[in-house]
Amino acid sequence: MPISAYRHIGVKGIMNNYTEIFKALSDETRLRIMRLLTITDRQICVCEFVDALELPQYQVSKHLNILKNANLVEGERRGTWVYYSPLKESSSFNNQLFQLLKEQLSDSVFLLDAERLRQRMKLRDGDTCVVGFANRQKVECSGISYNKV
């Protein structure tokens, strides 16, 4: 988006927006989260991030909240769980940034995250995240359990 599109905000507002974006991306975990979001065309549940990144839920949620506050991601609540995706109404700047993250972050840690996410996404039942199997029951991220025969 050209700078002229932000005239109503003023130059200081534009710089604050960019500053917040780059502050949010200044952490390795948040870069890992953003890379996962850019390589899939599906929303990712918090529990899928937990498994892919091998980090505790509270830590993943904290980082997702920072990314959300920087207007990089958005969440959709389904029951008690939240699914995340890159901000749909993104600016040209954000779209180019997402493309850069997708194409340029290719160190081994990012590739391992991607592989773990691919394996974790295979556990989905349709478009619903499945957090685990216990006693022949699937537990969905929506908090509803059902028997799988």
N, C-alpha and C. Protein backbone atom coordinates (compact mmCIF):
# COMPACT_ATOMS: atom_id res chain seq x y z
N MET A 1 0.86 -1.16 0.00
CA MET A 1 0.00 0.00 0.00
C MET A 1 0.90 1.22 0.00
N PRO A 2 0.65 2.18 -0.89
CA PRO A 2 1.50 3.36 -0.94
C PRO A 2 1.33 4.21 0.32
N ILE A 3 2.37 4.95 0.63
CA ILE A 3 2.37 5.81 1.81
C ILE A 3 1.18 6.77 1.77
N SER A 4 0.81 7.25 0.59
CA SER A 4 -0.29 8.22 0.48
C SER A 4 -1.60 7.66 1.02
N ALA A 5 -1.74 6.34 1.05
CA ALA A 5 -2.96 5.73 1.56
C ALA A 5 -3.08 5.89 3.07
N TYR A 6 -1.99 6.27 3.71
CA TYR A 6 -1.99 6.41 5.16
C TYR A 6 -2.00 7.88 5.60
N ARG A 7 -2.32 8.81 4.71
CA ARG A 7 -2.30 10.24 5.06
C ARG A 7 -3.14 10.56 6.28
N HIS A 8 -4.29 9.89 6.39
CA HIS A 8 -5.18 10.18 7.51
C HIS A 8 -4.56 9.77 8.85
N ILE A 9 -3.60 8.87 8.83
CA ILE A 9 -2.94 8.42 10.05
C ILE A 9 -1.79 9.36 10.41
N GLY A 10 -1.11 9.86 9.40
CA GLY A 10 0.08 10.67 9.62
C GLY A 10 1.32 9.80 9.60
N VAL A 11 2.46 10.43 9.37
CA VAL A 11 3.71 9.70 9.26
C VAL A 11 4.04 8.98 10.56
N LYS A 12 3.79 9.61 11.69
CA LYS A 12 4.08 8.98 12.97
C LYS A 12 3.26 7.71 13.15
N GLY A 13 1.99 7.72 12.74
CA GLY A 13 1.14 6.54 12.83
C GLY A 13 1.64 5.41 11.96
N ILE A 14 2.13 5.74 10.77
CA ILE A 14 2.67 4.72 9.86
C ILE A 14 3.91 4.09 10.49
N MET A 15 4.79 4.91 11.00
CA MET A 15 6.02 4.39 11.59
C MET A 15 5.72 3.53 12.81
N ASN A 16 4.73 3.93 13.60
CA ASN A 16 4.36 3.12 14.76
C ASN A 16 3.86 1.76 14.33
N ASN A 17 3.08 1.72 13.23
CA ASN A 17 2.58 0.45 12.72
C ASN A 17 3.73 -0.45 12.28
N TYR A 18 4.66 0.07 11.51
CA TYR A 18 5.81 -0.72 11.07
C TYR A 18 6.67 -1.14 12.25
N THR A 19 6.84 -0.23 13.20
CA THR A 19 7.64 -0.54 14.38
C THR A 19 7.02 -1.70 15.14
N GLU A 20 5.69 -1.69 15.31
CA GLU A 20 5.01 -2.78 16.02
C GLU A 20 5.16 -4.10 15.28
N ILE A 21 5.07 -4.06 13.96
CA ILE A 21 5.22 -5.28 13.16
C ILE A 21 6.62 -5.87 13.35
N PHE A 22 7.63 -5.02 13.22
CA PHE A 22 9.00 -5.54 13.33
C PHE A 22 9.35 -5.93 14.76
N LYS A 23 8.78 -5.26 15.74
CA LYS A 23 8.98 -5.70 17.13
C LYS A 23 8.38 -7.09 17.32
N ALA A 24 7.19 -7.28 16.77
CA ALA A 24 6.53 -8.59 16.90
C ALA A 24 7.34 -9.69 16.23
N LEU A 25 8.01 -9.38 15.16
CA LEU A 25 8.79 -10.38 14.42
C LEU A 25 10.22 -10.52 14.94
N SER A 26 10.56 -9.81 16.01
CA SER A 26 11.93 -9.84 16.51
C SER A 26 12.21 -11.03 17.43
N ASP A 27 11.29 -11.96 17.49
CA ASP A 27 11.43 -13.13 18.35
C ASP A 27 11.40 -14.39 17.50
N GLU A 28 12.29 -15.34 17.79
CA GLU A 28 12.37 -16.56 16.99
C GLU A 28 11.07 -17.35 17.01
N THR A 29 10.44 -17.46 18.16
CA THR A 29 9.19 -18.22 18.24
C THR A 29 8.11 -17.59 17.36
N ARG A 30 8.03 -16.28 17.37
CA ARG A 30 7.01 -15.62 16.54
C ARG A 30 7.34 -15.76 15.06
N LEU A 31 8.61 -15.76 14.71
CA LEU A 31 8.98 -16.04 13.31
C LEU A 31 8.58 -17.46 12.93
N ARG A 32 8.79 -18.39 13.84
CA ARG A 32 8.41 -19.79 13.57
C ARG A 32 6.90 -19.91 13.37
N ILE A 33 6.13 -19.21 14.21
CA ILE A 33 4.67 -19.23 14.08
C ILE A 33 4.25 -18.64 12.74
N MET A 34 4.83 -17.49 12.41
CA MET A 34 4.45 -16.83 11.14
C MET A 34 4.82 -17.70 9.95
N ARG A 35 5.94 -18.36 9.99
CA ARG A 35 6.34 -19.23 8.88
C ARG A 35 5.33 -20.36 8.70
N LEU A 36 4.89 -20.96 9.82
CA LEU A 36 3.89 -22.03 9.73
C LEU A 36 2.59 -21.51 9.13
N LEU A 37 2.20 -20.32 9.52
CA LEU A 37 0.96 -19.75 8.99
C LEU A 37 1.05 -19.45 7.49
N THR A 38 2.25 -19.10 7.04
CA THR A 38 2.39 -18.75 5.62
C THR A 38 2.53 -19.97 4.70
N ILE A 39 2.89 -21.12 5.26
CA ILE A 39 3.09 -22.28 4.39
C ILE A 39 1.83 -23.13 4.24
N THR A 40 0.79 -22.82 4.97
CA THR A 40 -0.45 -23.58 4.85
C THR A 40 -1.58 -22.64 4.47
N ASP A 41 -2.54 -23.15 3.76
CA ASP A 41 -3.71 -22.33 3.39
C ASP A 41 -4.87 -22.58 4.34
N ARG A 42 -4.59 -23.26 5.44
CA ARG A 42 -5.63 -23.58 6.43
C ARG A 42 -5.35 -22.83 7.73
N GLN A 43 -6.39 -22.66 8.51
CA GLN A 43 -6.21 -22.10 9.83
C GLN A 43 -5.53 -23.15 10.71
N ILE A 44 -4.75 -22.69 11.67
CA ILE A 44 -4.03 -23.60 12.55
C ILE A 44 -4.51 -23.38 13.98
N CYS A 45 -4.87 -24.47 14.63
CA CYS A 45 -5.33 -24.42 16.01
C CYS A 45 -4.13 -24.26 16.95
N VAL A 46 -4.36 -23.65 18.09
CA VAL A 46 -3.30 -23.45 19.07
C VAL A 46 -2.64 -24.78 19.43
N CYS A 47 -3.44 -25.83 19.61
CA CYS A 47 -2.86 -27.12 19.99
C CYS A 47 -1.97 -27.69 18.87
N GLU A 48 -2.25 -27.36 17.63
CA GLU A 48 -1.38 -27.79 16.53
C GLU A 48 -0.06 -27.04 16.56
N PHE A 49 -0.11 -25.74 16.90
CA PHE A 49 1.13 -24.99 17.09
C PHE A 49 1.96 -25.60 18.22
N VAL A 50 1.30 -25.95 19.31
CA VAL A 50 1.99 -26.53 20.47
C VAL A 50 2.77 -27.77 20.04
N ASP A 51 2.13 -28.65 19.28
CA ASP A 51 2.79 -29.88 18.84
C ASP A 51 3.88 -29.60 17.80
N ALA A 52 3.61 -28.70 16.87
CA ALA A 52 4.59 -28.41 15.81
C ALA A 52 5.83 -27.71 16.36
N LEU A 53 5.63 -26.80 17.29
CA LEU A 53 6.75 -26.02 17.83
C LEU A 53 7.39 -26.68 19.05
N GLU A 54 6.69 -27.67 19.61
CA GLU A 54 7.13 -28.35 20.83
C GLU A 54 7.37 -27.35 21.96
N LEU A 55 6.36 -26.49 22.15
CA LEU A 55 6.38 -25.48 23.20
C LEU A 55 5.10 -25.60 24.02
N PRO A 56 5.10 -25.13 25.27
CA PRO A 56 3.88 -25.18 26.07
C PRO A 56 2.80 -24.24 25.54
N GLN A 57 1.56 -24.60 25.80
CA GLN A 57 0.41 -23.85 25.29
C GLN A 57 0.44 -22.39 25.72
N TYR A 58 0.77 -22.12 26.98
CA TYR A 58 0.75 -20.73 27.45
C TYR A 58 1.75 -19.88 26.68
N GLN A 59 2.89 -20.46 26.33
CA GLN A 59 3.92 -19.72 25.59
C GLN A 59 3.46 -19.45 24.15
N VAL A 60 2.87 -20.44 23.51
CA VAL A 60 2.36 -20.26 22.15
C VAL A 60 1.26 -19.20 22.14
N SER A 61 0.35 -19.27 23.10
CA SER A 61 -0.75 -18.30 23.17
C SER A 61 -0.24 -16.88 23.38
N LYS A 62 0.78 -16.74 24.21
CA LYS A 62 1.36 -15.41 24.46
C LYS A 62 1.93 -14.83 23.17
N HIS A 63 2.65 -15.64 22.41
CA HIS A 63 3.25 -15.17 21.17
C HIS A 63 2.18 -14.88 20.10
N LEU A 64 1.15 -15.69 20.05
CA LEU A 64 0.06 -15.43 19.10
C LEU A 64 -0.64 -14.12 19.44
N ASN A 65 -0.79 -13.82 20.70
CA ASN A 65 -1.42 -12.57 21.11
C ASN A 65 -0.58 -11.36 20.67
N ILE A 66 0.73 -11.46 20.78
CA ILE A 66 1.61 -10.38 20.33
C ILE A 66 1.47 -10.18 18.83
N LEU A 67 1.42 -11.27 18.07
CA LEU A 67 1.26 -11.18 16.61
C LEU A 67 -0.11 -10.60 16.25
N LYS A 68 -1.11 -10.96 17.03
CA LYS A 68 -2.46 -10.43 16.79
C LYS A 68 -2.50 -8.92 17.06
N ASN A 69 -1.87 -8.48 18.12
CA ASN A 69 -1.83 -7.06 18.45
C ASN A 69 -1.05 -6.24 17.42
N ALA A 70 -0.14 -6.88 16.71
CA ALA A 70 0.62 -6.22 15.65
C ALA A 70 -0.12 -6.28 14.31
N ASN A 71 -1.34 -6.80 14.31
CA ASN A 71 -2.16 -6.93 13.10
C ASN A 71 -1.51 -7.81 12.04
N LEU A 72 -0.89 -8.88 12.49
CA LEU A 72 -0.31 -9.85 11.55
C LEU A 72 -1.15 -11.10 11.43
N VAL A 73 -1.88 -11.46 12.49
CA VAL A 73 -2.71 -12.65 12.47
C VAL A 73 -4.08 -12.33 13.03
N GLU A 74 -5.02 -13.22 12.75
CA GLU A 74 -6.35 -13.11 13.34
C GLU A 74 -6.77 -14.49 13.81
N GLY A 75 -7.59 -14.50 14.84
CA GLY A 75 -8.05 -15.75 15.40
C GLY A 75 -9.55 -15.90 15.27
N GLU A 76 -9.98 -17.14 15.13
CA GLU A 76 -11.40 -17.46 15.06
C GLU A 76 -11.70 -18.48 16.14
N ARG A 77 -12.54 -18.10 17.07
CA ARG A 77 -12.89 -19.00 18.18
C ARG A 77 -13.92 -20.02 17.71
N ARG A 78 -13.61 -21.29 18.02
CA ARG A 78 -14.55 -22.39 17.79
C ARG A 78 -14.65 -23.15 19.10
N GLY A 79 -15.73 -22.95 19.79
CA GLY A 79 -15.86 -23.55 21.12
C GLY A 79 -14.87 -22.90 22.06
N THR A 80 -14.05 -23.71 22.71
CA THR A 80 -13.06 -23.17 23.63
C THR A 80 -11.70 -22.98 22.98
N TRP A 81 -11.58 -23.33 21.71
CA TRP A 81 -10.30 -23.27 21.02
C TRP A 81 -10.29 -22.16 19.99
N VAL A 82 -9.09 -21.72 19.64
CA VAL A 82 -8.93 -20.64 18.67
C VAL A 82 -8.05 -21.13 17.52
N TYR A 83 -8.51 -20.87 16.32
CA TYR A 83 -7.76 -21.18 15.10
C TYR A 83 -7.20 -19.87 14.55
N TYR A 84 -5.95 -19.88 14.11
CA TYR A 84 -5.29 -18.67 13.63
C TYR A 84 -4.94 -18.77 12.16
N SER A 85 -4.90 -17.60 11.52
CA SER A 85 -4.47 -17.47 10.13
C SER A 85 -3.84 -16.10 9.97
N PRO A 86 -3.06 -15.90 8.89
CA PRO A 86 -2.57 -14.54 8.64
C PRO A 86 -3.76 -13.61 8.44
N LEU A 87 -3.60 -12.36 8.79
CA LEU A 87 -4.68 -11.39 8.66
C LEU A 87 -5.21 -11.39 7.23
N LYS A 88 -6.49 -11.64 7.07
CA LYS A 88 -7.09 -11.75 5.74
C LYS A 88 -7.13 -10.40 5.01
N GLU A 89 -7.45 -9.35 5.71
CA GLU A 89 -7.53 -8.02 5.13
C GLU A 89 -6.18 -7.33 5.24
N SER A 90 -5.15 -7.96 4.69
CA SER A 90 -3.80 -7.45 4.83
C SER A 90 -3.48 -6.38 3.80
N SER A 91 -2.55 -5.53 4.19
CA SER A 91 -2.04 -4.51 3.28
C SER A 91 -1.06 -5.16 2.31
N SER A 92 -0.68 -4.43 1.31
CA SER A 92 0.32 -4.90 0.37
C SER A 92 1.62 -5.19 1.11
N PHE A 93 1.94 -4.33 2.06
CA PHE A 93 3.15 -4.53 2.87
C PHE A 93 3.11 -5.88 3.57
N ASN A 94 1.99 -6.17 4.26
CA ASN A 94 1.87 -7.44 4.98
C ASN A 94 1.95 -8.62 4.02
N ASN A 95 1.28 -8.53 2.88
CA ASN A 95 1.31 -9.63 1.92
C ASN A 95 2.73 -9.92 1.44
N GLN A 96 3.48 -8.86 1.17
CA GLN A 96 4.87 -9.04 0.75
C GLN A 96 5.72 -9.60 1.89
N LEU A 97 5.43 -9.16 3.10
CA LEU A 97 6.13 -9.67 4.28
C LEU A 97 5.84 -11.16 4.46
N PHE A 98 4.58 -11.56 4.31
CA PHE A 98 4.21 -12.97 4.44
C PHE A 98 4.94 -13.81 3.39
N GLN A 99 5.02 -13.30 2.18
CA GLN A 99 5.71 -14.01 1.10
C GLN A 99 7.20 -14.16 1.43
N LEU A 100 7.80 -13.10 1.95
CA LEU A 100 9.21 -13.14 2.34
C LEU A 100 9.44 -14.19 3.42
N LEU A 101 8.58 -14.21 4.43
CA LEU A 101 8.72 -15.20 5.50
C LEU A 101 8.60 -16.61 4.96
N LYS A 102 7.66 -16.81 4.06
CA LYS A 102 7.43 -18.14 3.48
C LYS A 102 8.64 -18.62 2.67
N GLU A 103 9.22 -17.73 1.89
CA GLU A 103 10.28 -18.13 0.97
C GLU A 103 11.68 -18.11 1.58
N GLN A 104 11.92 -17.22 2.51
CA GLN A 104 13.29 -17.03 2.99
C GLN A 104 13.64 -17.73 4.30
N LEU A 105 12.66 -18.07 5.10
CA LEU A 105 12.97 -18.74 6.37
C LEU A 105 13.04 -20.25 6.12
N SER A 106 14.25 -20.72 5.86
CA SER A 106 14.40 -22.13 5.48
C SER A 106 15.48 -22.85 6.28
N ASP A 107 15.86 -22.28 7.43
CA ASP A 107 16.81 -22.98 8.29
C ASP A 107 16.18 -24.27 8.80
N SER A 108 17.00 -25.14 9.36
CA SER A 108 16.52 -26.46 9.78
C SER A 108 15.38 -26.38 10.80
N VAL A 109 15.43 -25.40 11.71
CA VAL A 109 14.36 -25.30 12.71
C VAL A 109 13.01 -25.04 12.05
N PHE A 110 12.99 -24.23 11.01
CA PHE A 110 11.74 -23.93 10.30
C PHE A 110 11.26 -25.14 9.51
N LEU A 111 12.20 -25.89 8.94
CA LEU A 111 11.83 -27.08 8.18
C LEU A 111 11.29 -28.18 9.10
N LEU A 112 11.89 -28.33 10.27
CA LEU A 112 11.39 -29.31 11.25
C LEU A 112 10.00 -28.92 11.74
N ASP A 113 9.79 -27.64 12.01
CA ASP A 113 8.46 -27.17 12.41
C ASP A 113 7.43 -27.52 11.34
N ALA A 114 7.79 -27.27 10.08
CA ALA A 114 6.87 -27.52 8.98
C ALA A 114 6.53 -29.01 8.88
N GLU A 115 7.52 -29.86 9.05
CA GLU A 115 7.27 -31.30 8.98
C GLU A 115 6.39 -31.76 10.14
N ARG A 116 6.65 -31.26 11.34
CA ARG A 116 5.81 -31.62 12.48
C ARG A 116 4.38 -31.13 12.27
N LEU A 117 4.22 -29.94 11.70
CA LEU A 117 2.87 -29.44 11.43
C LEU A 117 2.17 -30.31 10.40
N ARG A 118 2.90 -30.71 9.34
CA ARG A 118 2.30 -31.58 8.32
C ARG A 118 1.80 -32.88 8.95
N GLN A 119 2.62 -33.47 9.81
CA GLN A 119 2.22 -34.71 10.48
C GLN A 119 1.03 -34.48 11.40
N ARG A 120 1.04 -33.37 12.10
CA ARG A 120 -0.05 -33.05 13.04
C ARG A 120 -1.35 -32.79 12.30
N MET A 121 -1.28 -32.13 11.14
CA MET A 121 -2.48 -31.82 10.35
C MET A 121 -3.12 -33.09 9.79
N LYS A 122 -2.34 -34.15 9.65
CA LYS A 122 -2.90 -35.42 9.17
C LYS A 122 -3.88 -36.01 10.18
N LEU A 123 -3.78 -35.59 11.43
CA LEU A 123 -4.68 -36.09 12.47
C LEU A 123 -6.04 -35.42 12.45
N ARG A 124 -6.20 -34.40 11.64
CA ARG A 124 -7.47 -33.69 11.58
C ARG A 124 -8.58 -34.59 11.07
N ASP A 125 -9.76 -34.30 11.57
CA ASP A 125 -10.96 -34.97 11.09
C ASP A 125 -11.72 -33.95 10.26
N GLY A 126 -11.53 -33.99 8.95
CA GLY A 126 -12.06 -32.94 8.09
C GLY A 126 -11.24 -31.69 8.31
N ASP A 127 -11.91 -30.63 8.72
CA ASP A 127 -11.19 -29.38 8.99
C ASP A 127 -11.11 -29.11 10.48
N THR A 128 -11.33 -30.15 11.29
CA THR A 128 -11.32 -30.01 12.74
C THR A 128 -10.03 -30.58 13.30
N CYS A 129 -9.38 -29.80 14.12
CA CYS A 129 -8.16 -30.24 14.79
C CYS A 129 -8.50 -31.32 15.82
N VAL A 130 -7.67 -32.34 15.88
CA VAL A 130 -7.85 -33.41 16.86
C VAL A 130 -6.65 -33.36 17.80
N VAL A 131 -6.92 -33.18 19.07
CA VAL A 131 -5.81 -33.01 20.03
C VAL A 131 -5.26 -34.31 20.56
N GLY A 132 -5.91 -35.39 20.36
CA GLY A 132 -5.32 -36.64 20.83
C GLY A 132 -6.30 -37.79 20.82
N PHE A 133 -5.78 -38.94 21.15
CA PHE A 133 -6.59 -40.14 21.22
C PHE A 133 -6.46 -40.70 22.63
N ALA A 134 -7.59 -41.04 23.21
CA ALA A 134 -7.57 -41.65 24.55
C ALA A 134 -8.77 -42.58 24.66
N ASN A 135 -8.52 -43.81 25.02
CA ASN A 135 -9.59 -44.80 25.18
C ASN A 135 -10.50 -44.88 23.95
N ARG A 136 -9.88 -44.92 22.79
CA ARG A 136 -10.60 -45.01 21.52
C ARG A 136 -11.55 -43.86 21.30
N GLN A 137 -11.29 -42.72 21.93
CA GLN A 137 -12.09 -41.52 21.70
C GLN A 137 -11.20 -40.47 21.07
N LYS A 138 -11.79 -39.73 20.15
CA LYS A 138 -11.11 -38.57 19.60
C LYS A 138 -11.61 -37.37 20.37
N VAL A 139 -10.71 -36.51 20.73
CA VAL A 139 -11.10 -35.29 21.41
C VAL A 139 -10.83 -34.15 20.44
N GLU A 140 -11.87 -33.44 20.05
CA GLU A 140 -11.73 -32.34 19.10
C GLU A 140 -11.37 -31.07 19.83
N CYS A 141 -10.79 -30.14 19.10
CA CYS A 141 -10.44 -28.86 19.70
C CYS A 141 -11.66 -28.08 20.14
N SER A 142 -12.81 -28.43 19.65
CA SER A 142 -14.02 -27.73 20.08
C SER A 142 -14.43 -28.17 21.48
N GLY A 143 -13.73 -29.14 22.04
CA GLY A 143 -14.01 -29.60 23.38
C GLY A 143 -15.02 -30.74 23.42
N ILE A 144 -15.48 -31.19 22.26
CA ILE A 144 -16.48 -32.25 22.21
C ILE A 144 -15.78 -33.57 21.92
N SER A 145 -16.12 -34.61 22.67
CA SER A 145 -15.54 -35.94 22.46
C SER A 145 -16.56 -36.83 21.78
N TYR A 146 -16.09 -37.76 21.01
CA TYR A 146 -16.99 -38.76 20.44
C TYR A 146 -16.21 -40.04 20.24
N ASN A 147 -16.90 -41.15 20.26
CA ASN A 147 -16.26 -42.45 20.05
C ASN A 147 -15.98 -42.64 18.57
N LYS A 148 -14.83 -43.15 18.29
CA LYS A 148 -14.46 -43.46 16.91
C LYS A 148 -14.49 -44.98 16.80
N VAL A 149 -15.33 -45.52 15.92
CA VAL A 149 -15.48 -46.96 15.78
C VAL A 149 -14.57 -47.47 14.68
